[in-house]
Amino acid sequence: MSNRRPLQICYLAIGLAVMVILMGGWTRIMDAGLGCPDWPGCFGQMTAPISAAHIAEAQQNFAGVEVDVTKGWLEMIHRYMASTLGFLILLLAFIAWQRRKKSVYPVRLSFVLLILVICQGLFGMWTVTLKLLPVVVSGHLMGGLLTLTLLILLAGKLRQAAVPESPSSGRCVMRMAVMVLFMQMLLGGWTSANYAGWSCTHWLSCVEGQRTELDFRSGFSFSLDTSQSHQGGTMSQPARAAIQMTHRAGALVVTVVILLAGALALRSSTSRKPALVLFTLLIFQLCVGAANVVYGVPAWLAWIHHAGAVSLLLCLLWLKTRYESEVHYE
């Protein structure tokens, strides 16, 4: 039985997962995470209010909550896209159930993805009901990145790509690079969730000409306080500065590890192209990160930085697949 149809669905899911992550980043950057104060609807409806009558009804039913139609639609479009992605993953799990007796079919991975996307739905709900609690927002981002990564892994298995099992120092570097980048993206999510991007105004030090207090303990404490909204952030300046400077240190670690992984890949002909693309994306991402500090994190530049991180992850996974396939067939 051909894997063509599930592979096509998987490719569609990968494209949609990228769009969901990018749309989620834009929703976050535009402070639209609470554009709809309820879940799964928006002000008691399945669409954001448009007409004057619906807006008036929303204001009456949700007293004290600002009705911002633009933010409401940003949030709802993100939910519609995420729901569609969930349906595609459910479809992949259904196909896996049908083919569960085929020993070579990735049944387990298909069901892991289904469980993951259900958890993502719960985190999406908690993001709203717990008023943008940073640990939940960061967990939601982690789930999105993990969903994308596992979908790419599923596509490789559906193509019946050989995955080497023997140990290799080169493969260890590739996997370490993916893990380090993954952790840096989570740290970026924690920075965004706590509105720490504005805490340091100098691209190298935190505040030019001043000694900045860094409160790492408060910056990385996982508060579960849901008595107030976390929109705009609730941490002190020293805590946010600690998060921002840690994120910058993480960028240096990512740079070193990616350069090492790319240098290994440049030795082979099939891995050279993704390695060069990876280097280009890395330089671009570092420049955009510095520009965000210099220009005060404008929304459009913050989103480009978010999209650049996703592009880096995709390119690194592409490089890892090419490199491991070549090692296997040597």
Protein backbone atom coordinates (compact mmCIF):
# COMPACT_ATOMS: atom_id res chain seq x y z
CA MET A 1 0.00 0.00 0.00
CA SER A 2 1.44 3.36 -1.07
CA ASN A 3 2.26 6.08 1.44
CA ARG A 4 1.61 8.78 -1.14
CA ARG A 5 -1.68 10.04 0.33
CA PRO A 6 -0.54 10.25 4.00
CA LEU A 7 2.70 11.85 2.82
CA GLN A 8 0.74 14.53 0.96
CA ILE A 9 -1.36 15.16 4.08
CA CYS A 10 1.82 15.31 6.15
CA TYR A 11 3.38 17.89 3.82
CA LEU A 12 0.20 19.96 4.04
CA ALA A 13 0.30 19.68 7.84
CA ILE A 14 3.96 20.80 7.90
CA GLY A 15 3.13 23.89 5.84
CA LEU A 16 0.16 24.67 8.05
CA ALA A 17 2.20 24.10 11.24
CA VAL A 18 4.71 26.70 10.05
CA MET A 19 1.87 29.14 9.36
CA VAL A 20 0.31 28.48 12.78
CA ILE A 21 3.62 29.16 14.55
CA LEU A 22 4.18 32.35 12.56
CA MET A 23 0.59 33.49 13.12
CA GLY A 24 0.91 32.68 16.81
CA GLY A 25 4.03 34.86 16.97
CA TRP A 26 2.25 37.76 15.28
CA THR A 27 -0.74 37.37 17.60
CA ARG A 28 1.61 37.48 20.56
CA ILE A 29 3.59 40.46 19.29
CA MET A 30 0.40 42.44 18.62
CA ASP A 31 -0.85 41.75 22.18
CA ALA A 32 -3.84 39.89 20.76
CA GLY A 33 -3.53 36.84 22.99
CA LEU A 34 -6.50 38.07 25.00
CA GLY A 35 -8.26 39.58 21.99
CA CYS A 36 -10.94 37.02 22.78
CA PRO A 37 -11.41 36.71 26.55
CA ASP A 38 -13.16 33.35 26.28
CA TRP A 39 -12.45 30.01 24.59
CA PRO A 40 -13.10 28.46 22.07
CA GLY A 41 -15.35 31.29 20.89
CA CYS A 42 -14.86 35.03 20.94
CA PHE A 43 -17.12 37.06 23.23
CA GLY A 44 -19.60 34.19 23.22
CA GLN A 45 -19.58 33.75 19.41
CA MET A 46 -17.64 31.56 17.03
CA THR A 47 -16.29 34.61 15.20
CA ALA A 48 -14.95 37.92 16.43
CA PRO A 49 -17.71 40.56 16.65
CA ILE A 50 -18.06 42.72 13.54
CA SER A 51 -21.37 44.54 13.52
CA ALA A 52 -22.21 47.33 15.93
CA ALA A 53 -24.92 45.15 17.48
CA HIS A 54 -22.47 42.29 18.14
CA ILE A 55 -19.89 44.69 19.58
CA ALA A 56 -22.50 46.22 21.88
CA GLU A 57 -23.61 42.74 22.98
CA ALA A 58 -19.99 41.74 23.67
CA GLN A 59 -19.42 44.88 25.75
CA GLN A 60 -22.55 44.13 27.74
CA ASN A 61 -21.74 40.45 28.36
CA PHE A 62 -18.04 41.03 29.09
CA ALA A 63 -18.08 44.19 31.17
CA GLY A 64 -14.67 45.69 31.80
CA VAL A 65 -13.07 43.91 28.81
CA GLU A 66 -11.98 45.97 25.82
CA VAL A 67 -13.60 44.82 22.58
CA ASP A 68 -10.89 45.18 19.93
CA VAL A 69 -12.17 43.71 16.67
CA THR A 70 -8.73 43.55 15.03
CA LYS A 71 -7.15 41.68 17.94
CA GLY A 72 -10.19 39.42 18.15
CA TRP A 73 -9.84 38.41 14.51
CA LEU A 74 -6.10 37.83 14.88
CA GLU A 75 -6.80 35.44 17.74
CA MET A 76 -9.65 33.67 15.96
CA ILE A 77 -7.75 33.21 12.69
CA HIS A 78 -4.95 31.64 14.71
CA ARG A 79 -7.48 29.29 16.32
CA TYR A 80 -9.07 28.38 12.97
CA MET A 81 -5.65 27.52 11.52
CA ALA A 82 -4.68 25.50 14.59
CA SER A 83 -7.98 23.60 14.46
CA THR A 84 -7.38 22.74 10.80
CA LEU A 85 -3.92 21.48 11.68
CA GLY A 86 -5.45 19.36 14.43
CA PHE A 87 -7.88 17.85 11.92
CA LEU A 88 -5.02 16.93 9.55
CA ILE A 89 -3.11 15.26 12.38
CA LEU A 90 -6.28 13.41 13.39
CA LEU A 91 -6.58 12.22 9.79
CA LEU A 92 -2.97 10.99 9.87
CA ALA A 93 -3.72 9.10 13.08
CA PHE A 94 -6.81 7.53 11.47
CA ILE A 95 -4.72 6.35 8.50
CA ALA A 96 -2.15 4.97 10.94
CA TRP A 97 -4.90 3.02 12.72
CA GLN A 98 -5.99 1.56 9.39
CA ARG A 99 -2.42 0.48 8.65
CA ARG A 100 -1.50 -0.56 12.18
CA LYS A 101 -0.69 -4.11 11.06
CA LYS A 102 2.03 -2.88 8.70
CA SER A 103 5.26 -3.18 10.63
CA VAL A 104 7.03 -0.45 8.64
CA TYR A 105 4.32 2.18 9.02
CA PRO A 106 5.03 4.87 11.69
CA VAL A 107 1.90 4.15 13.74
CA ARG A 108 3.33 5.12 17.10
CA LEU A 109 4.65 8.45 15.86
CA SER A 110 1.27 9.26 14.29
CA PHE A 111 -0.48 8.71 17.62
CA VAL A 112 2.16 10.66 19.54
CA LEU A 113 1.39 13.59 17.23
CA LEU A 114 -2.33 13.21 17.93
CA ILE A 115 -1.74 13.28 21.70
CA LEU A 116 0.56 16.28 21.29
CA VAL A 117 -1.97 18.28 19.28
CA ILE A 118 -4.66 17.56 21.87
CA CYS A 119 -2.31 18.91 24.54
CA GLN A 120 -1.71 21.92 22.31
CA GLY A 121 -5.44 22.57 22.27
CA LEU A 122 -5.48 22.51 26.06
CA PHE A 123 -2.53 24.90 26.25
CA GLY A 124 -4.30 27.19 23.80
CA MET A 125 -7.31 27.24 26.11
CA TRP A 126 -5.18 27.80 29.22
CA THR A 127 -3.35 30.66 27.50
CA VAL A 128 -6.66 32.53 27.51
CA THR A 129 -8.28 31.26 30.70
CA LEU A 130 -5.08 31.74 32.75
CA LYS A 131 -4.58 35.24 31.29
CA LEU A 132 -1.31 34.75 29.40
CA LEU A 133 0.48 33.01 32.26
CA PRO A 134 4.11 33.01 30.98
CA VAL A 135 4.80 29.34 31.75
CA VAL A 136 1.68 28.37 29.77
CA VAL A 137 2.55 30.68 26.86
CA SER A 138 6.06 29.21 26.70
CA GLY A 139 4.67 25.67 26.95
CA HIS A 140 2.31 26.43 24.07
CA LEU A 141 5.26 27.56 21.94
CA MET A 142 7.22 24.44 22.87
CA GLY A 143 4.30 22.27 21.79
CA GLY A 144 4.08 24.07 18.46
CA LEU A 145 7.78 23.62 17.73
CA LEU A 146 7.66 19.99 18.78
CA THR A 147 4.61 19.39 16.56
CA LEU A 148 6.45 20.83 13.56
CA THR A 149 9.58 18.78 14.30
CA LEU A 150 7.66 15.50 14.67
CA LEU A 151 5.68 16.18 11.48
CA ILE A 152 8.97 16.54 9.60
CA LEU A 153 10.19 13.30 11.19
CA LEU A 154 6.93 11.59 10.19
CA ALA A 155 7.34 12.78 6.59
CA GLY A 156 10.83 11.25 6.53
CA LYS A 157 9.50 7.92 7.77
CA LEU A 158 6.66 7.98 5.26
CA ARG A 159 9.22 8.49 2.51
CA GLN A 160 10.84 5.35 3.94
CA ALA A 161 14.05 7.29 4.45
CA ALA A 162 16.68 5.18 6.09
CA VAL A 163 17.55 6.45 9.55
CA PRO A 164 20.95 5.28 10.74
CA GLU A 165 21.17 3.83 14.19
CA SER A 166 24.91 3.41 14.60
CA PRO A 167 26.70 6.05 16.71
CA SER A 168 28.44 8.91 14.90
CA SER A 169 30.08 12.02 16.34
CA GLY A 170 28.77 14.03 13.39
CA ARG A 171 25.19 12.95 14.02
CA CYS A 172 25.59 13.81 17.70
CA VAL A 173 26.62 17.34 16.73
CA MET A 174 23.59 17.66 14.42
CA ARG A 175 21.21 16.50 17.12
CA MET A 176 22.87 18.73 19.70
CA ALA A 177 22.46 21.69 17.32
CA VAL A 178 18.72 20.97 16.99
CA MET A 179 18.33 20.69 20.77
CA VAL A 180 20.29 23.89 21.45
CA LEU A 181 18.30 25.85 18.86
CA PHE A 182 15.06 24.41 20.24
CA MET A 183 15.99 25.58 23.75
CA GLN A 184 16.98 29.02 22.47
CA MET A 185 13.60 29.39 20.76
CA LEU A 186 11.90 28.47 24.03
CA LEU A 187 14.04 31.08 25.77
CA GLY A 188 12.91 33.56 23.14
CA GLY A 189 9.32 32.60 23.92
CA TRP A 190 9.97 33.18 27.63
CA THR A 191 11.47 36.56 26.77
CA SER A 192 8.38 37.50 24.78
CA ALA A 193 5.91 36.09 27.32
CA ASN A 194 7.45 38.29 30.02
CA TYR A 195 7.85 41.35 27.77
CA ALA A 196 11.60 41.34 28.38
CA GLY A 197 12.57 42.40 24.87
CA TRP A 198 12.39 46.07 25.89
CA SER A 199 14.42 45.67 29.09
CA CYS A 200 17.85 46.31 27.54
CA THR A 201 18.49 49.18 25.15
CA HIS A 202 22.12 48.56 24.16
CA TRP A 203 23.00 45.87 21.65
CA LEU A 204 26.05 44.64 23.58
CA SER A 205 25.55 45.61 27.23
CA CYS A 206 22.11 46.01 28.73
CA VAL A 207 22.10 49.79 29.31
CA GLU A 208 24.98 51.78 27.87
CA GLY A 209 27.25 53.32 30.49
CA GLN A 210 25.35 51.83 33.41
CA ARG A 211 25.74 48.79 35.60
CA THR A 212 22.50 46.85 35.31
CA GLU A 213 21.16 44.70 38.11
CA LEU A 214 20.19 41.21 36.89
CA ASP A 215 17.70 39.24 38.96
CA PHE A 216 17.99 35.70 37.56
CA ARG A 217 16.02 34.09 40.39
CA SER A 218 12.91 36.19 39.74
CA GLY A 219 13.42 36.15 35.98
CA PHE A 220 13.27 32.37 35.81
CA SER A 221 10.73 31.66 38.53
CA PHE A 222 7.63 29.94 37.19
CA SER A 223 4.79 31.83 38.81
CA LEU A 224 1.33 30.24 38.78
CA ASP A 225 -0.46 33.41 39.85
CA THR A 226 -3.69 33.66 37.82
CA SER A 227 -5.30 36.40 39.87
CA GLN A 228 -4.19 39.05 37.38
CA SER A 229 -3.62 39.41 33.66
CA HIS A 230 0.00 38.93 32.56
CA GLN A 231 -0.46 41.05 29.45
CA GLY A 232 2.26 43.68 29.50
CA GLY A 233 4.32 41.63 31.96
CA THR A 234 4.43 41.59 35.74
CA MET A 235 8.15 41.11 36.41
CA SER A 236 10.54 43.77 37.70
CA GLN A 237 13.08 45.44 35.41
CA PRO A 238 16.06 43.49 36.88
CA ALA A 239 14.21 40.20 36.28
CA ARG A 240 13.39 41.11 32.69
CA ALA A 241 16.96 42.27 32.09
CA ALA A 242 18.22 38.90 33.34
CA ILE A 243 15.96 37.11 30.85
CA GLN A 244 17.10 39.33 27.99
CA MET A 245 20.80 38.91 28.73
CA THR A 246 20.38 35.13 29.08
CA HIS A 247 18.70 35.06 25.70
CA ARG A 248 21.67 36.90 24.22
CA ALA A 249 24.10 34.44 25.82
CA GLY A 250 22.02 31.63 24.35
CA ALA A 251 22.39 33.21 20.91
CA LEU A 252 26.18 32.94 21.24
CA VAL A 253 25.92 29.25 22.17
CA VAL A 254 23.59 28.61 19.21
CA THR A 255 26.01 30.39 16.89
CA VAL A 256 28.96 28.24 17.96
CA VAL A 257 27.02 24.95 17.72
CA ILE A 258 25.47 25.79 14.34
CA LEU A 259 28.84 26.83 12.92
CA LEU A 260 30.27 23.50 14.09
CA ALA A 261 27.40 21.54 12.54
CA GLY A 262 27.66 23.49 9.30
CA ALA A 263 31.42 23.00 9.13
CA LEU A 264 30.95 19.24 9.36
CA ALA A 265 28.30 19.33 6.63
CA LEU A 266 30.49 21.36 4.24
CA ARG A 267 32.72 18.32 3.82
CA SER A 268 30.05 16.53 1.81
CA SER A 269 28.53 17.50 -1.53
CA THR A 270 24.90 16.70 -0.67
CA SER A 271 24.93 18.65 2.61
CA ARG A 272 26.81 21.70 1.36
CA LYS A 273 23.76 23.60 0.07
CA PRO A 274 21.67 23.40 3.28
CA ALA A 275 24.81 24.29 5.28
CA LEU A 276 25.34 27.48 3.25
CA VAL A 277 21.66 28.40 3.60
CA LEU A 278 21.94 27.77 7.33
CA PHE A 279 24.95 30.10 7.64
CA THR A 280 23.08 32.82 5.72
CA LEU A 281 20.02 32.49 7.96
CA LEU A 282 22.19 32.56 11.08
CA ILE A 283 23.89 35.82 10.07
CA PHE A 284 20.52 37.34 9.15
CA GLN A 285 19.01 36.28 12.48
CA LEU A 286 21.86 37.75 14.50
CA CYS A 287 21.56 41.05 12.63
CA VAL A 288 17.79 41.18 13.15
CA GLY A 289 18.24 40.41 16.86
CA ALA A 290 20.68 43.31 17.24
CA ALA A 291 18.39 45.60 15.23
CA ASN A 292 15.49 44.79 17.55
CA VAL A 293 17.51 46.11 20.48
CA VAL A 294 18.70 49.22 18.65
CA TYR A 295 15.24 50.17 17.34
CA GLY A 296 13.23 49.25 20.44
CA VAL A 297 11.62 45.99 19.24
CA PRO A 298 9.11 47.29 16.66
CA ALA A 299 6.34 44.77 15.95
CA TRP A 300 7.31 44.05 12.34
CA LEU A 301 10.99 43.50 13.24
CA ALA A 302 10.08 41.30 16.22
CA TRP A 303 7.96 39.12 13.91
CA ILE A 304 10.82 38.86 11.39
CA HIS A 305 13.04 37.68 14.25
CA HIS A 306 10.39 35.08 15.16
CA ALA A 307 10.10 33.95 11.53
CA GLY A 308 13.89 33.80 11.25
CA ALA A 309 14.08 31.43 14.20
CA VAL A 310 11.48 29.13 12.60
CA SER A 311 13.42 29.25 9.32
CA LEU A 312 16.62 28.32 11.16
CA LEU A 313 14.91 25.31 12.71
CA LEU A 314 13.54 24.14 9.36
CA CYS A 315 16.92 24.55 7.66
CA LEU A 316 18.74 22.75 10.48
CA LEU A 317 16.33 19.82 10.26
CA TRP A 318 16.88 19.77 6.49
CA LEU A 319 20.64 19.71 7.02
CA LYS A 320 20.35 17.00 9.67
CA THR A 321 18.29 14.79 7.34
CA ARG A 322 20.73 15.22 4.45
CA TYR A 323 23.76 14.60 6.61
CA GLU A 324 22.41 11.52 8.38
CA SER A 325 21.26 9.98 5.09
CA GLU A 326 24.73 10.45 3.63
CA VAL A 327 26.42 8.97 6.70
CA HIS A 328 24.12 5.96 6.46
CA TYR A 329 24.91 5.24 2.82
CA GLU A 330 28.64 5.74 3.01
